[in-house]
Amino acid sequence: MIKKSISLDGHRTSVRLEGEFWAALERAAADRRISLPALVQSIDRERLRTAPAPNLASALRVFALAAASGAGDERERGTPEDE
């Protein structure tokens, strides 16, 4: 497990994920030409719109899996600038 600290809406939070998930998220961010923190922020905002909202680590894993498998839903393809 790899722990990373990220600022979300001005608040620092730490997330622990397996290295493979971080790698998939970094690839997804690079594909979108945004930073990893910007991608995490976008995923977090989408997570908070759902009811009930999964925890952040779960939301990141689901997004990474969708991105790595080529799933093409609107949430996976979007960028923070699109919102």
N, C-alpha and C. Protein backbone atom coordinates (compact mmCIF):
# COMPACT_ATOMS: atom_id res chain seq x y z
N MET A 1 0.84 -1.18 0.00
CA MET A 1 0.00 0.00 0.00
C MET A 1 0.89 1.25 0.00
N ILE A 2 0.49 2.19 -0.81
CA ILE A 2 1.23 3.46 -0.90
C ILE A 2 0.30 4.56 -0.42
N LYS A 3 0.79 5.36 0.50
CA LYS A 3 0.01 6.47 1.05
C LYS A 3 0.44 7.76 0.38
N LYS A 4 -0.54 8.52 -0.12
CA LYS A 4 -0.26 9.82 -0.73
C LYS A 4 -1.15 10.85 -0.06
N SER A 5 -0.59 12.03 0.17
CA SER A 5 -1.35 13.15 0.72
C SER A 5 -1.72 14.08 -0.43
N ILE A 6 -2.97 14.46 -0.45
CA ILE A 6 -3.49 15.32 -1.52
C ILE A 6 -4.38 16.37 -0.89
N SER A 7 -4.36 17.57 -1.44
CA SER A 7 -5.23 18.64 -0.97
C SER A 7 -6.51 18.63 -1.80
N LEU A 8 -7.64 18.51 -1.12
CA LEU A 8 -8.95 18.52 -1.76
C LEU A 8 -9.74 19.69 -1.21
N ASP A 9 -10.03 20.64 -2.06
CA ASP A 9 -10.75 21.85 -1.64
C ASP A 9 -10.10 22.50 -0.43
N GLY A 10 -8.79 22.57 -0.44
CA GLY A 10 -8.04 23.23 0.62
C GLY A 10 -7.79 22.41 1.87
N HIS A 11 -8.27 21.17 1.90
CA HIS A 11 -8.06 20.31 3.06
C HIS A 11 -7.15 19.15 2.67
N ARG A 12 -6.12 18.91 3.48
CA ARG A 12 -5.21 17.80 3.20
C ARG A 12 -5.86 16.49 3.63
N THR A 13 -5.73 15.50 2.78
CA THR A 13 -6.21 14.17 3.11
C THR A 13 -5.19 13.16 2.62
N SER A 14 -5.15 12.02 3.25
CA SER A 14 -4.24 10.95 2.84
C SER A 14 -5.06 9.77 2.35
N VAL A 15 -4.55 9.14 1.29
CA VAL A 15 -5.22 7.98 0.70
C VAL A 15 -4.19 6.88 0.54
N ARG A 16 -4.56 5.68 0.94
CA ARG A 16 -3.71 4.50 0.74
C ARG A 16 -4.31 3.63 -0.35
N LEU A 17 -3.51 3.37 -1.38
CA LEU A 17 -3.92 2.48 -2.47
C LEU A 17 -2.74 1.61 -2.85
N GLU A 18 -3.03 0.50 -3.48
CA GLU A 18 -1.99 -0.34 -4.03
C GLU A 18 -1.29 0.41 -5.15
N GLY A 19 -0.01 0.11 -5.35
CA GLY A 19 0.78 0.79 -6.37
C GLY A 19 0.19 0.70 -7.76
N GLU A 20 -0.44 -0.41 -8.06
CA GLU A 20 -1.04 -0.59 -9.39
C GLU A 20 -2.17 0.41 -9.63
N PHE A 21 -2.93 0.72 -8.59
CA PHE A 21 -4.00 1.70 -8.73
C PHE A 21 -3.43 3.11 -8.90
N TRP A 22 -2.39 3.44 -8.14
CA TRP A 22 -1.75 4.75 -8.33
C TRP A 22 -1.21 4.87 -9.75
N ALA A 23 -0.61 3.80 -10.25
CA ALA A 23 -0.05 3.83 -11.61
C ALA A 23 -1.17 4.06 -12.64
N ALA A 24 -2.30 3.38 -12.48
CA ALA A 24 -3.41 3.56 -13.41
C ALA A 24 -3.96 4.98 -13.33
N LEU A 25 -4.05 5.54 -12.13
CA LEU A 25 -4.52 6.91 -11.97
C LEU A 25 -3.55 7.90 -12.59
N GLU A 26 -2.25 7.66 -12.43
CA GLU A 26 -1.25 8.54 -13.03
C GLU A 26 -1.32 8.50 -14.55
N ARG A 27 -1.55 7.30 -15.12
CA ARG A 27 -1.71 7.19 -16.58
C ARG A 27 -2.96 7.94 -17.04
N ALA A 28 -4.05 7.79 -16.28
CA ALA A 28 -5.30 8.48 -16.64
C ALA A 28 -5.11 9.99 -16.59
N ALA A 29 -4.40 10.48 -15.58
CA ALA A 29 -4.13 11.92 -15.48
C ALA A 29 -3.27 12.38 -16.65
N ALA A 30 -2.24 11.62 -16.98
CA ALA A 30 -1.36 11.97 -18.10
C ALA A 30 -2.14 11.98 -19.41
N ASP A 31 -3.02 11.00 -19.60
CA ASP A 31 -3.84 10.94 -20.82
C ASP A 31 -4.71 12.18 -20.96
N ARG A 32 -5.14 12.74 -19.84
CA ARG A 32 -6.00 13.92 -19.83
C ARG A 32 -5.20 15.22 -19.76
N ARG A 33 -3.89 15.08 -19.64
CA ARG A 33 -2.99 16.23 -19.52
C ARG A 33 -3.33 17.11 -18.32
N ILE A 34 -3.60 16.42 -17.20
CA ILE A 34 -3.83 17.11 -15.93
C ILE A 34 -2.97 16.44 -14.86
N SER A 35 -2.83 17.10 -13.74
CA SER A 35 -2.04 16.53 -12.66
C SER A 35 -2.83 15.44 -11.94
N LEU A 36 -2.12 14.58 -11.23
CA LEU A 36 -2.78 13.56 -10.42
C LEU A 36 -3.69 14.21 -9.38
N PRO A 37 -3.25 15.24 -8.66
CA PRO A 37 -4.17 15.89 -7.70
C PRO A 37 -5.43 16.44 -8.36
N ALA A 38 -5.32 16.98 -9.57
CA ALA A 38 -6.50 17.50 -10.27
C ALA A 38 -7.46 16.36 -10.62
N LEU A 39 -6.92 15.22 -11.03
CA LEU A 39 -7.76 14.06 -11.33
C LEU A 39 -8.45 13.57 -10.07
N VAL A 40 -7.71 13.46 -8.98
CA VAL A 40 -8.30 13.00 -7.72
C VAL A 40 -9.39 13.97 -7.27
N GLN A 41 -9.15 15.26 -7.42
CA GLN A 41 -10.16 16.27 -7.06
C GLN A 41 -11.43 16.06 -7.88
N SER A 42 -11.28 15.81 -9.17
CA SER A 42 -12.44 15.58 -10.04
C SER A 42 -13.21 14.33 -9.61
N ILE A 43 -12.50 13.26 -9.33
CA ILE A 43 -13.14 12.02 -8.88
C ILE A 43 -13.84 12.24 -7.55
N ASP A 44 -13.20 13.00 -6.65
CA ASP A 44 -13.79 13.27 -5.34
C ASP A 44 -15.08 14.08 -5.49
N ARG A 45 -15.08 15.07 -6.35
CA ARG A 45 -16.30 15.87 -6.55
C ARG A 45 -17.44 15.02 -7.10
N GLU A 46 -17.11 14.15 -8.04
CA GLU A 46 -18.13 13.25 -8.59
C GLU A 46 -18.63 12.30 -7.52
N ARG A 47 -17.74 11.81 -6.70
CA ARG A 47 -18.09 10.89 -5.61
C ARG A 47 -19.08 11.54 -4.66
N LEU A 48 -18.87 12.80 -4.36
CA LEU A 48 -19.73 13.50 -3.41
C LEU A 48 -21.11 13.79 -3.98
N ARG A 49 -21.25 13.71 -5.31
CA ARG A 49 -22.56 13.91 -5.94
C ARG A 49 -23.42 12.66 -5.88
N THR A 50 -22.81 11.50 -5.63
CA THR A 50 -23.56 10.25 -5.61
C THR A 50 -24.14 10.02 -4.23
N ALA A 51 -25.21 9.26 -4.18
CA ALA A 51 -25.82 8.94 -2.88
C ALA A 51 -26.08 7.45 -2.83
N PRO A 52 -25.59 6.74 -1.87
CA PRO A 52 -24.59 7.19 -0.90
C PRO A 52 -23.21 7.21 -1.52
N ALA A 53 -22.42 8.15 -1.11
CA ALA A 53 -21.07 8.31 -1.66
C ALA A 53 -20.14 7.23 -1.10
N PRO A 54 -19.39 6.53 -1.99
CA PRO A 54 -18.38 5.59 -1.50
C PRO A 54 -17.22 6.38 -0.89
N ASN A 55 -16.38 5.70 -0.14
CA ASN A 55 -15.22 6.43 0.38
C ASN A 55 -14.28 6.76 -0.78
N LEU A 56 -13.37 7.70 -0.57
CA LEU A 56 -12.51 8.19 -1.64
C LEU A 56 -11.63 7.08 -2.21
N ALA A 57 -11.04 6.26 -1.36
CA ALA A 57 -10.18 5.18 -1.87
C ALA A 57 -10.96 4.25 -2.80
N SER A 58 -12.19 3.91 -2.42
CA SER A 58 -13.01 3.05 -3.27
C SER A 58 -13.33 3.73 -4.60
N ALA A 59 -13.67 5.01 -4.54
CA ALA A 59 -13.97 5.75 -5.77
C ALA A 59 -12.76 5.79 -6.70
N LEU A 60 -11.57 5.97 -6.12
CA LEU A 60 -10.35 6.00 -6.92
C LEU A 60 -10.08 4.64 -7.55
N ARG A 61 -10.29 3.57 -6.80
CA ARG A 61 -10.08 2.22 -7.35
C ARG A 61 -11.04 1.94 -8.51
N VAL A 62 -12.31 2.28 -8.33
CA VAL A 62 -13.30 2.05 -9.39
C VAL A 62 -12.94 2.85 -10.63
N PHE A 63 -12.56 4.12 -10.46
CA PHE A 63 -12.17 4.95 -11.59
C PHE A 63 -10.95 4.35 -12.29
N ALA A 64 -9.94 3.96 -11.52
CA ALA A 64 -8.72 3.39 -12.10
C ALA A 64 -9.02 2.13 -12.88
N LEU A 65 -9.89 1.29 -12.34
CA LEU A 65 -10.26 0.06 -13.03
C LEU A 65 -10.97 0.38 -14.34
N ALA A 66 -11.90 1.33 -14.30
CA ALA A 66 -12.62 1.71 -15.52
C ALA A 66 -11.67 2.30 -16.55
N ALA A 67 -10.76 3.15 -16.10
CA ALA A 67 -9.80 3.78 -17.02
C ALA A 67 -8.88 2.73 -17.64
N ALA A 68 -8.40 1.80 -16.82
CA ALA A 68 -7.47 0.78 -17.31
C ALA A 68 -8.14 -0.20 -18.25
N SER A 69 -9.43 -0.45 -18.03
CA SER A 69 -10.13 -1.42 -18.88
C SER A 69 -10.73 -0.78 -20.12
N GLY A 70 -10.60 0.56 -20.22
CA GLY A 70 -11.11 1.25 -21.39
C GLY A 70 -12.60 1.52 -21.33
N ALA A 71 -13.20 1.34 -20.16
CA ALA A 71 -14.63 1.64 -20.01
C ALA A 71 -14.85 3.10 -20.38
N GLY A 72 -15.85 3.38 -21.15
CA GLY A 72 -16.02 4.72 -21.70
C GLY A 72 -17.20 5.48 -21.16
N ASP A 73 -17.49 5.39 -19.87
CA ASP A 73 -18.60 6.20 -19.38
C ASP A 73 -18.20 7.67 -19.31
N GLU A 74 -19.15 8.54 -19.22
CA GLU A 74 -18.90 9.98 -19.23
C GLU A 74 -17.98 10.41 -18.11
N ARG A 75 -18.15 9.85 -16.93
CA ARG A 75 -17.33 10.23 -15.78
C ARG A 75 -15.87 9.90 -16.02
N GLU A 76 -15.60 8.75 -16.60
CA GLU A 76 -14.22 8.31 -16.82
C GLU A 76 -13.54 9.17 -17.87
N ARG A 77 -14.29 9.63 -18.90
CA ARG A 77 -13.68 10.40 -19.97
C ARG A 77 -13.50 11.86 -19.62
N GLY A 78 -14.25 12.34 -18.65
CA GLY A 78 -14.26 13.77 -18.35
C GLY A 78 -12.99 14.24 -17.68
N THR A 79 -12.81 15.56 -17.70
CA THR A 79 -11.71 16.19 -16.99
C THR A 79 -12.29 17.27 -16.11
N PRO A 80 -11.55 17.74 -15.12
CA PRO A 80 -12.07 18.80 -14.27
C PRO A 80 -12.47 20.04 -15.06
N GLU A 81 -11.79 20.32 -16.17
CA GLU A 81 -12.11 21.48 -16.98
C GLU A 81 -13.47 21.34 -17.66
N ASP A 82 -13.93 20.10 -17.84
CA ASP A 82 -15.21 19.86 -18.50
C ASP A 82 -16.39 20.20 -17.61
N GLU A 83 -16.18 20.33 -16.32
CA GLU A 83 -17.29 20.53 -15.38
C GLU A 83 -17.63 21.98 -15.25
